Amino acid sequence: MDAVKYGAAFDVVVLDVKMPGLDGVAALGEIKKWAPDTEVIMLTGHATLESGTQAMRKGAYDYLMKPVTLKTW
């Protein structure tokens, strides 16, 4: 969070919804305030309609549920 706040450039940030201290949806809001062009992907094992809706409204690029299956081409 401090890196984004103080100007480090990131193309993408992956956040868990449940984190110690600041939850992922709140962190998303701060990141979008400091670096609006940074894409944020939310990842969770505790998906709810409410947290998904909040994340998308705050500008999340996507909201993924664990486990995530990665496809290789």
C-alpha atoms as a PDB file:
ATOM      1  CA  MET A   1       0.000   0.000   0.000  1.00  0.00           C
ATOM      2  CA  ASP A   2       2.779   2.425   0.844  1.00  0.00           C
ATOM      3  CA  ALA A   3       4.515   1.752  -2.471  1.00  0.00           C
ATOM      4  CA  VAL A   4       1.386   2.687  -4.412  1.00  0.00           C
ATOM      5  CA  LYS A   5       0.627   5.627  -2.129  1.00  0.00           C
ATOM      6  CA  TYR A   6       4.084   7.134  -2.577  1.00  0.00           C
ATOM      7  CA  GLY A   7       4.264   6.804  -6.343  1.00  0.00           C
ATOM      8  CA  ALA A   8       5.574   3.361  -7.316  1.00  0.00           C
ATOM      9  CA  ALA A   9       3.989   2.307 -10.604  1.00  0.00           C
ATOM     10  CA  PHE A  10       2.210  -1.029 -10.874  1.00  0.00           C
ATOM     11  CA  ASP A  11       0.255  -2.317 -13.856  1.00  0.00           C
ATOM     12  CA  VAL A  12      -1.708  -4.855 -11.787  1.00  0.00           C
ATOM     13  CA  VAL A  13      -2.293  -5.530  -8.101  1.00  0.00           C
ATOM     14  CA  VAL A  14      -3.853  -8.785  -6.865  1.00  0.00           C
ATOM     15  CA  LEU A  15      -5.645  -8.459  -3.525  1.00  0.00           C
ATOM     16  CA  ASP A  16      -7.337 -11.001  -1.308  1.00  0.00           C
ATOM     17  CA  VAL A  17     -10.675  -9.869   0.056  1.00  0.00           C
ATOM     18  CA  LYS A  18      -9.769 -10.980   3.594  1.00  0.00           C
ATOM     19  CA  MET A  19      -6.468  -9.509   4.776  1.00  0.00           C
ATOM     20  CA  PRO A  20      -5.222  -8.545   8.227  1.00  0.00           C
ATOM     21  CA  GLY A  21      -5.764  -4.894   9.027  1.00  0.00           C
ATOM     22  CA  LEU A  22      -7.298  -3.267   5.958  1.00  0.00           C
ATOM     23  CA  ASP A  23      -9.652  -5.575   4.045  1.00  0.00           C
ATOM     24  CA  GLY A  24      -9.147  -6.011   0.312  1.00  0.00           C
ATOM     25  CA  VAL A  25     -12.171  -3.995  -0.797  1.00  0.00           C
ATOM     26  CA  ALA A  26     -11.052  -1.013   1.314  1.00  0.00           C
ATOM     27  CA  ALA A  27      -7.486  -1.399  -0.022  1.00  0.00           C
ATOM     28  CA  LEU A  28      -8.897  -1.415  -3.553  1.00  0.00           C
ATOM     29  CA  GLY A  29     -10.588   1.924  -2.909  1.00  0.00           C
ATOM     30  CA  GLU A  30      -7.330   3.447  -1.672  1.00  0.00           C
ATOM     31  CA  ILE A  31      -5.303   2.087  -4.595  1.00  0.00           C
ATOM     32  CA  LYS A  32      -7.798   3.451  -7.116  1.00  0.00           C
ATOM     33  CA  LYS A  33      -7.686   6.846  -5.370  1.00  0.00           C
ATOM     34  CA  TRP A  34      -3.855   7.002  -5.492  1.00  0.00           C
ATOM     35  CA  ALA A  35      -3.305   5.238  -8.841  1.00  0.00           C
ATOM     36  CA  PRO A  36      -6.511   5.125 -10.892  1.00  0.00           C
ATOM     37  CA  ASP A  37      -4.822   3.481 -13.900  1.00  0.00           C
ATOM     38  CA  THR A  38      -3.598   0.501 -11.858  1.00  0.00           C
ATOM     39  CA  GLU A  39      -5.792  -2.536 -12.485  1.00  0.00           C
ATOM     40  CA  VAL A  40      -6.821  -4.456  -9.361  1.00  0.00           C
ATOM     41  CA  ILE A  41      -7.895  -8.089  -9.380  1.00  0.00           C
ATOM     42  CA  MET A  42      -9.717  -9.331  -6.293  1.00  0.00           C
ATOM     43  CA  LEU A  43      -9.144 -12.937  -5.244  1.00  0.00           C
ATOM     44  CA  THR A  44     -11.073 -14.681  -2.487  1.00  0.00           C
ATOM     45  CA  GLY A  45     -11.996 -17.968  -0.948  1.00  0.00           C
ATOM     46  CA  HIS A  46     -14.875 -16.231   0.837  1.00  0.00           C
ATOM     47  CA  ALA A  47     -16.908 -14.804  -2.041  1.00  0.00           C
ATOM     48  CA  THR A  48     -20.149 -13.017  -1.327  1.00  0.00           C
ATOM     49  CA  LEU A  49     -22.443 -11.094  -3.606  1.00  0.00           C
ATOM     50  CA  GLU A  50     -21.914  -8.023  -1.413  1.00  0.00           C
ATOM     51  CA  SER A  51     -18.103  -8.045  -1.547  1.00  0.00           C
ATOM     52  CA  GLY A  52     -18.135  -8.758  -5.276  1.00  0.00           C
ATOM     53  CA  THR A  53     -20.538  -5.902  -5.932  1.00  0.00           C
ATOM     54  CA  GLN A  54     -18.519  -3.514  -3.760  1.00  0.00           C
ATOM     55  CA  ALA A  55     -15.281  -4.479  -5.483  1.00  0.00           C
ATOM     56  CA  MET A  56     -16.673  -3.961  -8.968  1.00  0.00           C
ATOM     57  CA  ARG A  57     -18.215  -0.615  -8.004  1.00  0.00           C
ATOM     58  CA  LYS A  58     -14.846   0.537  -6.631  1.00  0.00           C
ATOM     59  CA  GLY A  59     -13.186  -0.309  -9.921  1.00  0.00           C
ATOM     60  CA  ALA A  60     -11.897  -3.878  -9.654  1.00  0.00           C
ATOM     61  CA  TYR A  61     -10.870  -5.311 -13.006  1.00  0.00           C
ATOM     62  CA  ASP A  62     -12.133  -8.746 -11.981  1.00  0.00           C
ATOM     63  CA  TYR A  63     -13.306 -10.724  -8.948  1.00  0.00           C
ATOM     64  CA  LEU A  64     -12.037 -14.308  -8.815  1.00  0.00           C
ATOM     65  CA  MET A  65     -12.919 -17.128  -6.458  1.00  0.00           C
ATOM     66  CA  LYS A  66     -10.315 -19.550  -5.103  1.00  0.00           C
ATOM     67  CA  PRO A  67      -9.227 -22.014  -6.234  1.00  0.00           C
ATOM     68  CA  VAL A  68      -8.354 -20.409  -9.552  1.00  0.00           C
ATOM     69  CA  THR A  69      -7.601 -22.681 -12.479  1.00  0.00           C
ATOM     70  CA  LEU A  70      -4.996 -21.185 -14.752  1.00  0.00           C
ATOM     71  CA  LYS A  71      -5.193 -22.163 -18.399  1.00  0.00           C
ATOM     72  CA  THR A  72      -2.122 -22.335 -20.568  1.00  0.00           C
ATOM     73  CA  TRP A  73      -2.466 -21.862 -24.280  1.00  0.00           C
END
